[in-house]
Amino acid sequence: MPPLLATLRRLIQPHWPFLVMLVLLCLAPLGLSDFRLNLLGKFLTFAIAALGLDLIWGYGGMLSLGQGLFFGLGAYAMAMYLKLEASGKHLPDFMVWSGRETLPLFWKPFYSPIFALSMAVLFPTLLAAVLGYLVFRSRARGVYFSIITQAFTLIVSILLIGQQPVTGGTNGITNLSTIFGLPLSNPNTQRVLYFITVLCLVGIYALCRRLTRSRLGRLLVALRDDEDRVRFLGYNPVTIKTAIFALSAGISGLAGALFIPQVGIISPSALGVVPSIEMVIWVAVGGRGTLLGAIVGALLVSWGKSLFSESFPAIWQFFMGALFIGAVLLFPHGLLGALSRLSIKARALLDRRQSPSTPAPTPPTIEPETKPGNELASS
């Protein structure tokens, strides 16, 4: 084989499942309607958030039940810019209904799209860094970490509901009509947003894959398996876990910023406890600790939820519950984990059949010993 082809094969072979999926995603606009393509774009933002969760749970062993919070905060940051753009020189409608006469001071910087995009990523990152440092410094781990993140998510969602004049309350931020002057209802705008989401998914996947195969990634796995031993070796688990937790929050914030222009609405229910648990289900179904499994799980579960709710609007929750329970019981390592183990077994069986059969060694013959008395008798 020529050296160039051998190099290409070595580079492509480890990534071929993701490359096949990428090709299908790029070809999706040719075969899907505008409505289905918009749904797929929304599901891809879920896949980006699932990558962030898989990074800390699958590799770091930190089950966060608050990723929906960081996803929602990123969406709120982008929605504030979109709402100001749609309102023009006037106050947002929900502020007028609440009796406000001036724009809140913290809203004014969001006239800038650069500031809004930056805050969609930086604010969840900083918030997770502070929360993670306080939690990990006290050596809270396992179920305690999960409960803390879940409680913090619930607190923030209740806070947003109570601040009706500045957050929109229960209804959230709605009636978003344009982005950078382009109408969000235009199919061409949605198609551009779809491809931007695909590019961001590729970039986040490459970042996470590079990270998990680096020295920091190996330390992360070591922390998951035995944190005390890593501490005794001289590393600081607080710093490592805080950095990875903050990175996952920033990834979720980016996903939220991509989500809002494709959906057009964000409310406190989108960053509550239930969306956070759904993200855990995506990673569990696809296979945690695989990255690609997080993407597959998010797409399959979200698409199944959409199809079941359309076909069986009264009982679709039962179908989804049965799907989740069956996936966890039948595939405890996720779909990709099951496929990986099946592939290993099939390859081992194939190698065993293709190996040349060697005849069994013939046992050595042992001559019977002749006793001295027998020699005289025979003579």
Protein backbone atom coordinates (compact mmCIF):
# COMPACT_ATOMS: atom_id res chain seq x y z
CA MET A 1 0.00 0.00 0.00
CA PRO A 2 1.40 3.47 -0.90
CA PRO A 3 2.55 5.56 2.09
CA LEU A 4 -0.04 8.29 1.42
CA LEU A 5 -2.94 5.82 1.43
CA ALA A 6 -1.56 4.15 4.54
CA THR A 7 -1.38 7.51 6.31
CA LEU A 8 -4.94 8.40 5.29
CA ARG A 9 -6.17 5.04 6.44
CA ARG A 10 -4.44 5.44 9.78
CA LEU A 11 -6.04 8.86 10.25
CA ILE A 12 -9.55 7.94 9.10
CA GLN A 13 -9.95 4.44 10.56
CA PRO A 14 -10.43 5.51 14.23
CA HIS A 15 -12.97 8.17 13.23
CA TRP A 16 -14.96 6.47 10.51
CA PRO A 17 -18.25 6.16 12.48
CA PHE A 18 -18.26 9.89 13.21
CA LEU A 19 -17.28 10.70 9.61
CA VAL A 20 -20.16 8.59 8.28
CA MET A 21 -22.56 10.38 10.60
CA LEU A 22 -21.13 13.73 9.52
CA VAL A 23 -21.71 12.92 5.85
CA LEU A 24 -25.31 11.96 6.62
CA LEU A 25 -25.85 15.19 8.53
CA CYS A 26 -24.48 17.22 5.62
CA LEU A 27 -26.79 15.41 3.20
CA ALA A 28 -29.85 15.72 5.46
CA PRO A 29 -31.09 19.04 3.96
CA LEU A 30 -31.49 17.27 0.61
CA GLY A 31 -34.00 14.76 1.96
CA LEU A 32 -35.75 16.43 4.89
CA SER A 33 -38.49 19.01 4.88
CA ASP A 34 -37.90 22.42 6.45
CA PHE A 35 -39.79 21.35 9.58
CA ARG A 36 -37.81 18.11 10.02
CA LEU A 37 -34.53 19.87 9.31
CA ASN A 38 -35.33 22.43 12.00
CA LEU A 39 -36.04 19.57 14.41
CA LEU A 40 -32.75 17.91 13.53
CA GLY A 41 -30.91 21.18 14.13
CA LYS A 42 -32.50 21.40 17.57
CA PHE A 43 -31.52 17.81 18.33
CA LEU A 44 -27.92 18.55 17.32
CA THR A 45 -27.78 21.25 20.00
CA PHE A 46 -28.87 18.55 22.45
CA ALA A 47 -26.02 16.38 21.16
CA ILE A 48 -23.52 19.16 21.90
CA ALA A 49 -24.84 19.43 25.46
CA ALA A 50 -24.64 15.63 25.77
CA LEU A 51 -20.95 15.75 24.85
CA GLY A 52 -20.32 18.09 27.78
CA LEU A 53 -22.14 15.76 30.15
CA ASP A 54 -20.33 12.69 28.82
CA LEU A 55 -17.03 14.45 29.43
CA ILE A 56 -17.64 14.85 33.16
CA TRP A 57 -19.79 11.76 33.79
CA GLY A 58 -18.45 9.18 31.36
CA TYR A 59 -14.79 10.05 31.86
CA GLY A 60 -14.76 11.88 35.18
CA GLY A 61 -17.45 9.97 37.07
CA MET A 62 -19.24 13.20 38.07
CA LEU A 63 -22.97 12.78 37.49
CA SER A 64 -24.26 16.33 37.15
CA LEU A 65 -28.02 16.85 37.33
CA GLY A 66 -27.60 20.53 36.52
CA GLN A 67 -26.48 20.57 32.89
CA GLY A 68 -29.92 21.83 31.92
CA LEU A 69 -29.20 24.94 33.98
CA PHE A 70 -26.07 25.82 31.98
CA PHE A 71 -27.87 25.00 28.73
CA GLY A 72 -30.72 27.33 29.70
CA LEU A 73 -28.43 30.15 30.82
CA GLY A 74 -26.69 30.11 27.45
CA ALA A 75 -30.08 30.19 25.74
CA TYR A 76 -31.25 33.09 27.92
CA ALA A 77 -28.10 35.10 27.14
CA MET A 78 -28.65 34.72 23.39
CA ALA A 79 -32.41 35.28 23.74
CA MET A 80 -31.80 38.64 25.45
CA TYR A 81 -29.94 39.87 22.37
CA LEU A 82 -32.59 38.49 20.01
CA LYS A 83 -35.37 40.09 22.06
CA LEU A 84 -33.69 43.49 22.03
CA GLU A 85 -33.16 43.21 18.28
CA ALA A 86 -36.81 42.30 17.74
CA SER A 87 -38.02 45.14 20.01
CA GLY A 88 -35.91 47.80 18.31
CA LYS A 89 -35.90 51.02 20.34
CA HIS A 90 -38.83 49.91 22.48
CA LEU A 91 -38.90 47.95 25.70
CA PRO A 92 -39.47 44.19 25.41
CA ASP A 93 -43.19 43.46 25.58
CA PHE A 94 -43.11 41.48 28.85
CA MET A 95 -41.42 44.43 30.59
CA VAL A 96 -44.18 46.75 29.41
CA TRP A 97 -46.83 44.33 30.66
CA SER A 98 -45.08 44.22 34.03
CA GLY A 99 -45.11 48.00 34.37
CA ARG A 100 -41.42 48.74 33.79
CA GLU A 101 -40.55 51.98 32.07
CA THR A 102 -36.79 51.60 31.60
CA LEU A 103 -34.54 48.82 30.44
CA PRO A 104 -32.68 47.10 33.31
CA LEU A 105 -29.02 48.02 33.47
CA PHE A 106 -27.76 44.44 33.00
CA TRP A 107 -29.82 44.15 29.79
CA LYS A 108 -28.07 47.02 27.99
CA PRO A 109 -24.81 45.22 27.09
CA PHE A 110 -26.87 42.58 25.31
CA TYR A 111 -27.51 44.95 22.43
CA SER A 112 -24.15 43.63 21.24
CA PRO A 113 -24.29 40.15 19.67
CA ILE A 114 -20.61 39.58 20.51
CA PHE A 115 -21.28 40.26 24.18
CA ALA A 116 -24.34 38.00 24.12
CA LEU A 117 -22.45 35.10 22.53
CA SER A 118 -19.55 35.58 24.93
CA MET A 119 -21.82 35.57 27.97
CA ALA A 120 -23.68 32.50 26.67
CA VAL A 121 -20.43 30.57 27.12
CA LEU A 122 -18.54 32.49 29.81
CA PHE A 123 -21.32 32.96 32.35
CA PRO A 124 -22.17 29.22 32.66
CA THR A 125 -18.43 28.49 32.73
CA LEU A 126 -17.75 30.92 35.58
CA LEU A 127 -20.83 29.83 37.51
CA ALA A 128 -19.83 26.15 37.23
CA ALA A 129 -16.25 27.00 38.23
CA VAL A 130 -17.40 28.70 41.44
CA LEU A 131 -19.94 25.99 42.27
CA GLY A 132 -17.51 23.20 41.40
CA TYR A 133 -14.69 24.65 43.47
CA LEU A 134 -16.90 24.97 46.55
CA VAL A 135 -18.28 21.45 46.13
CA PHE A 136 -15.05 19.65 45.25
CA ARG A 137 -13.06 21.48 47.93
CA SER A 138 -15.37 19.95 50.52
CA ARG A 139 -14.73 16.55 48.86
CA ALA A 140 -18.39 16.01 48.04
CA ARG A 141 -18.70 13.34 45.38
CA GLY A 142 -21.07 10.73 44.02
CA VAL A 143 -24.70 11.17 44.88
CA TYR A 144 -23.97 14.24 47.02
CA PHE A 145 -22.57 16.08 44.01
CA SER A 146 -25.64 15.10 41.98
CA ILE A 147 -28.03 16.34 44.65
CA ILE A 148 -26.19 19.66 44.98
CA THR A 149 -26.30 20.34 41.24
CA GLN A 150 -29.96 19.37 41.09
CA ALA A 151 -30.85 21.65 44.01
CA PHE A 152 -28.90 24.55 42.50
CA THR A 153 -30.75 24.08 39.21
CA LEU A 154 -34.09 24.15 40.98
CA ILE A 155 -33.15 27.33 42.87
CA VAL A 156 -32.16 29.22 39.72
CA SER A 157 -35.29 28.15 37.81
CA ILE A 158 -37.52 29.33 40.67
CA LEU A 159 -35.58 32.60 40.80
CA LEU A 160 -36.17 33.20 37.09
CA ILE A 161 -39.89 32.54 37.48
CA GLY A 162 -40.13 35.06 40.31
CA GLN A 163 -38.41 37.86 38.36
CA GLN A 164 -41.24 38.44 35.91
CA PRO A 165 -40.38 42.08 35.02
CA VAL A 166 -36.83 41.27 33.86
CA THR A 167 -36.92 37.59 32.80
CA GLY A 168 -40.44 37.09 31.48
CA GLY A 169 -41.40 34.82 34.39
CA THR A 170 -43.02 31.51 33.57
CA ASN A 171 -43.52 32.43 29.90
CA GLY A 172 -39.86 33.23 29.44
CA ILE A 173 -38.58 35.19 26.46
CA THR A 174 -40.73 34.77 23.38
CA ASN A 175 -41.56 36.41 20.03
CA LEU A 176 -38.02 36.30 18.67
CA SER A 177 -38.26 37.20 15.01
CA THR A 178 -34.78 38.06 13.63
CA ILE A 179 -31.09 37.30 14.06
CA PHE A 180 -28.52 39.73 12.67
CA GLY A 181 -31.36 41.29 10.68
CA LEU A 182 -32.38 37.99 9.04
CA PRO A 183 -35.88 36.59 9.66
CA LEU A 184 -35.84 33.41 11.74
CA SER A 185 -38.93 32.15 9.92
CA ASN A 186 -37.04 32.05 6.61
CA PRO A 187 -36.03 28.47 5.65
CA ASN A 188 -32.69 29.73 4.32
CA THR A 189 -31.88 31.28 7.69
CA GLN A 190 -32.73 28.05 9.46
CA ARG A 191 -30.60 26.11 7.00
CA VAL A 192 -27.61 28.34 7.74
CA LEU A 193 -28.20 27.88 11.48
CA TYR A 194 -28.32 24.13 10.92
CA PHE A 195 -24.92 24.02 9.24
CA ILE A 196 -23.45 26.30 11.92
CA THR A 197 -24.70 23.81 14.50
CA VAL A 198 -23.10 20.93 12.59
CA LEU A 199 -19.77 22.79 12.50
CA CYS A 200 -19.96 23.49 16.23
CA LEU A 201 -20.74 19.82 16.87
CA VAL A 202 -17.65 18.78 14.90
CA GLY A 203 -15.49 21.29 16.77
CA ILE A 204 -16.75 20.25 20.22
CA TYR A 205 -16.37 16.56 19.38
CA ALA A 206 -12.78 17.13 18.20
CA LEU A 207 -12.02 19.12 21.35
CA CYS A 208 -13.45 16.45 23.66
CA ARG A 209 -11.71 13.63 21.79
CA ARG A 210 -8.38 15.44 21.93
CA LEU A 211 -8.88 16.14 25.62
CA THR A 212 -9.83 12.60 26.58
CA ARG A 213 -6.73 11.22 24.83
CA SER A 214 -4.37 13.67 26.46
CA ARG A 215 -2.63 13.44 29.82
CA LEU A 216 -5.46 15.44 31.39
CA GLY A 217 -7.95 12.91 30.05
CA ARG A 218 -6.02 10.04 31.61
CA LEU A 219 -5.95 11.91 34.90
CA LEU A 220 -9.69 12.39 34.63
CA VAL A 221 -10.26 8.67 34.20
CA ALA A 222 -7.91 7.99 37.10
CA LEU A 223 -9.96 10.36 39.27
CA ARG A 224 -13.07 8.46 38.31
CA ASP A 225 -11.55 5.13 39.28
CA ASP A 226 -9.63 6.09 42.43
CA GLU A 227 -9.55 9.74 43.45
CA ASP A 228 -7.61 9.12 46.67
CA ARG A 229 -4.76 7.43 44.85
CA VAL A 230 -4.48 10.35 42.41
CA ARG A 231 -4.32 12.72 45.38
CA PHE A 232 -1.58 10.65 46.99
CA LEU A 233 0.42 10.84 43.76
CA GLY A 234 0.60 14.62 44.18
CA TYR A 235 -2.17 15.86 41.90
CA ASN A 236 -4.90 18.25 43.02
CA PRO A 237 -8.30 16.68 42.20
CA VAL A 238 -10.12 19.94 43.03
CA THR A 239 -8.39 21.82 40.23
CA ILE A 240 -8.86 19.08 37.64
CA LYS A 241 -12.50 18.40 38.43
CA THR A 242 -13.37 22.11 38.62
CA ALA A 243 -11.76 22.79 35.24
CA ILE A 244 -13.56 19.92 33.52
CA PHE A 245 -16.88 20.80 35.16
CA ALA A 246 -16.52 24.43 34.01
CA LEU A 247 -15.63 23.30 30.48
CA SER A 248 -18.71 21.07 30.31
CA ALA A 249 -20.87 23.99 31.46
CA GLY A 250 -19.41 26.21 28.74
CA ILE A 251 -20.18 23.54 26.15
CA SER A 252 -23.78 23.36 27.39
CA GLY A 253 -24.02 27.17 27.26
CA LEU A 254 -22.88 27.15 23.63
CA ALA A 255 -25.50 24.51 22.87
CA GLY A 256 -28.16 26.72 24.46
CA ALA A 257 -27.06 29.70 22.37
CA LEU A 258 -27.47 27.61 19.21
CA PHE A 259 -30.79 26.23 20.44
CA ILE A 260 -32.67 29.50 20.93
CA PRO A 261 -32.64 30.89 17.34
CA GLN A 262 -33.83 27.54 15.99
CA VAL A 263 -36.71 27.26 18.46
CA GLY A 264 -37.59 30.89 19.14
CA ILE A 265 -38.53 30.58 22.80
CA ILE A 266 -36.83 29.94 26.13
CA SER A 267 -38.53 29.58 29.49
CA PRO A 268 -37.52 28.46 33.00
CA SER A 269 -38.90 25.00 32.28
CA ALA A 270 -36.08 24.49 29.75
CA LEU A 271 -33.45 24.78 32.49
CA GLY A 272 -35.20 22.87 35.23
CA VAL A 273 -34.57 19.46 36.72
CA VAL A 274 -36.44 17.47 34.06
CA PRO A 275 -34.27 18.61 31.10
CA SER A 276 -31.16 17.83 33.14
CA ILE A 277 -32.37 14.28 33.76
CA GLU A 278 -33.18 13.90 30.07
CA MET A 279 -29.57 14.74 29.27
CA VAL A 280 -28.45 11.96 31.58
CA ILE A 281 -30.76 9.58 29.70
CA TRP A 282 -29.24 10.60 26.36
CA VAL A 283 -25.75 9.70 27.53
CA ALA A 284 -26.88 6.51 29.31
CA VAL A 285 -28.74 5.21 26.26
CA GLY A 286 -25.95 6.02 23.82
CA GLY A 287 -23.13 4.84 26.05
CA ARG A 288 -21.16 6.99 28.46
CA GLY A 289 -17.45 7.31 28.09
CA THR A 290 -17.61 7.04 24.30
CA LEU A 291 -18.38 10.62 23.09
CA LEU A 292 -19.99 9.28 19.92
CA GLY A 293 -22.50 7.43 22.09
CA ALA A 294 -23.60 10.73 23.64
CA ILE A 295 -24.34 12.13 20.19
CA VAL A 296 -26.18 9.01 19.05
CA GLY A 297 -28.16 8.81 22.29
CA ALA A 298 -29.25 12.45 22.09
CA LEU A 299 -30.37 12.09 18.48
CA LEU A 300 -32.16 8.75 18.93
CA VAL A 301 -33.96 9.66 22.15
CA SER A 302 -35.00 13.11 20.92
CA TRP A 303 -36.18 11.78 17.57
CA GLY A 304 -38.06 8.95 19.27
CA LYS A 305 -39.69 11.42 21.63
CA SER A 306 -40.83 13.50 18.67
CA LEU A 307 -42.20 10.53 16.71
CA PHE A 308 -43.96 8.96 19.70
CA SER A 309 -45.57 12.26 20.71
CA GLU A 310 -46.85 12.77 17.16
CA SER A 311 -48.19 9.22 16.73
CA PHE A 312 -49.46 8.61 20.28
CA PRO A 313 -50.10 12.03 21.85
CA ALA A 314 -51.97 10.59 24.85
CA ILE A 315 -49.61 7.79 25.89
CA TRP A 316 -46.24 8.63 24.33
CA GLN A 317 -44.63 9.03 27.76
CA PHE A 318 -45.22 5.33 28.45
CA PHE A 319 -43.41 4.38 25.24
CA MET A 320 -40.46 6.57 26.15
CA GLY A 321 -40.36 5.14 29.68
CA ALA A 322 -40.36 1.59 28.32
CA LEU A 323 -37.60 2.55 25.88
CA PHE A 324 -35.40 3.97 28.63
CA ILE A 325 -35.93 1.04 31.00
CA GLY A 326 -35.33 -1.51 28.26
CA ALA A 327 -32.18 0.23 27.06
CA VAL A 328 -30.71 0.37 30.55
CA LEU A 329 -31.59 -3.24 31.39
CA LEU A 330 -30.59 -4.79 28.06
CA PHE A 331 -27.63 -2.51 27.33
CA PRO A 332 -26.13 -1.41 30.67
CA HIS A 333 -23.12 0.05 28.82
CA GLY A 334 -25.28 1.86 26.26
CA LEU A 335 -25.90 1.10 22.63
CA LEU A 336 -22.36 1.85 21.50
CA GLY A 337 -20.93 -0.07 24.43
CA ALA A 338 -22.98 -3.10 23.45
CA LEU A 339 -21.95 -2.79 19.80
CA SER A 340 -18.29 -2.47 20.79
CA ARG A 341 -18.41 -5.62 22.91
CA LEU A 342 -20.26 -7.49 20.19
CA SER A 343 -17.65 -6.40 17.65
CA ILE A 344 -14.82 -7.60 19.88
CA LYS A 345 -16.45 -11.01 20.34
CA ALA A 346 -17.16 -11.35 16.63
CA ARG A 347 -13.57 -10.44 15.75
CA ALA A 348 -12.21 -12.95 18.25
CA LEU A 349 -14.48 -15.68 16.86
CA LEU A 350 -13.43 -14.86 13.30
CA ASP A 351 -9.74 -14.95 14.21
CA ARG A 352 -10.23 -18.30 15.91
CA ARG A 353 -11.86 -19.77 12.80
CA GLN A 354 -9.27 -18.37 10.40
CA SER A 355 -6.27 -19.61 12.39
CA PRO A 356 -4.77 -22.86 10.91
CA SER A 357 -5.81 -25.93 12.78
CA THR A 358 -2.85 -27.76 14.29
CA PRO A 359 -3.10 -31.49 15.02
CA ALA A 360 -3.21 -32.42 18.64
CA PRO A 361 0.15 -33.65 19.89
CA THR A 362 0.50 -37.43 20.20
CA PRO A 363 1.10 -38.47 23.77
CA PRO A 364 4.43 -40.26 24.24
CA THR A 365 4.33 -44.04 24.58
CA ILE A 366 5.78 -45.41 27.75
CA GLU A 367 7.25 -48.90 27.62
CA PRO A 368 6.19 -51.08 30.52
CA GLU A 369 8.91 -51.66 33.00
CA THR A 370 10.30 -55.19 33.23
CA LYS A 371 10.71 -56.47 36.70
CA PRO A 372 13.77 -58.60 37.49
CA GLY A 373 11.67 -61.58 38.48
CA ASN A 374 9.83 -61.57 35.17
CA GLU A 375 13.04 -61.83 33.17
CA LEU A 376 13.94 -65.12 34.88
CA ALA A 377 10.44 -66.44 34.43
CA SER A 378 10.48 -65.72 30.72
CA SER A 379 13.77 -67.45 30.21
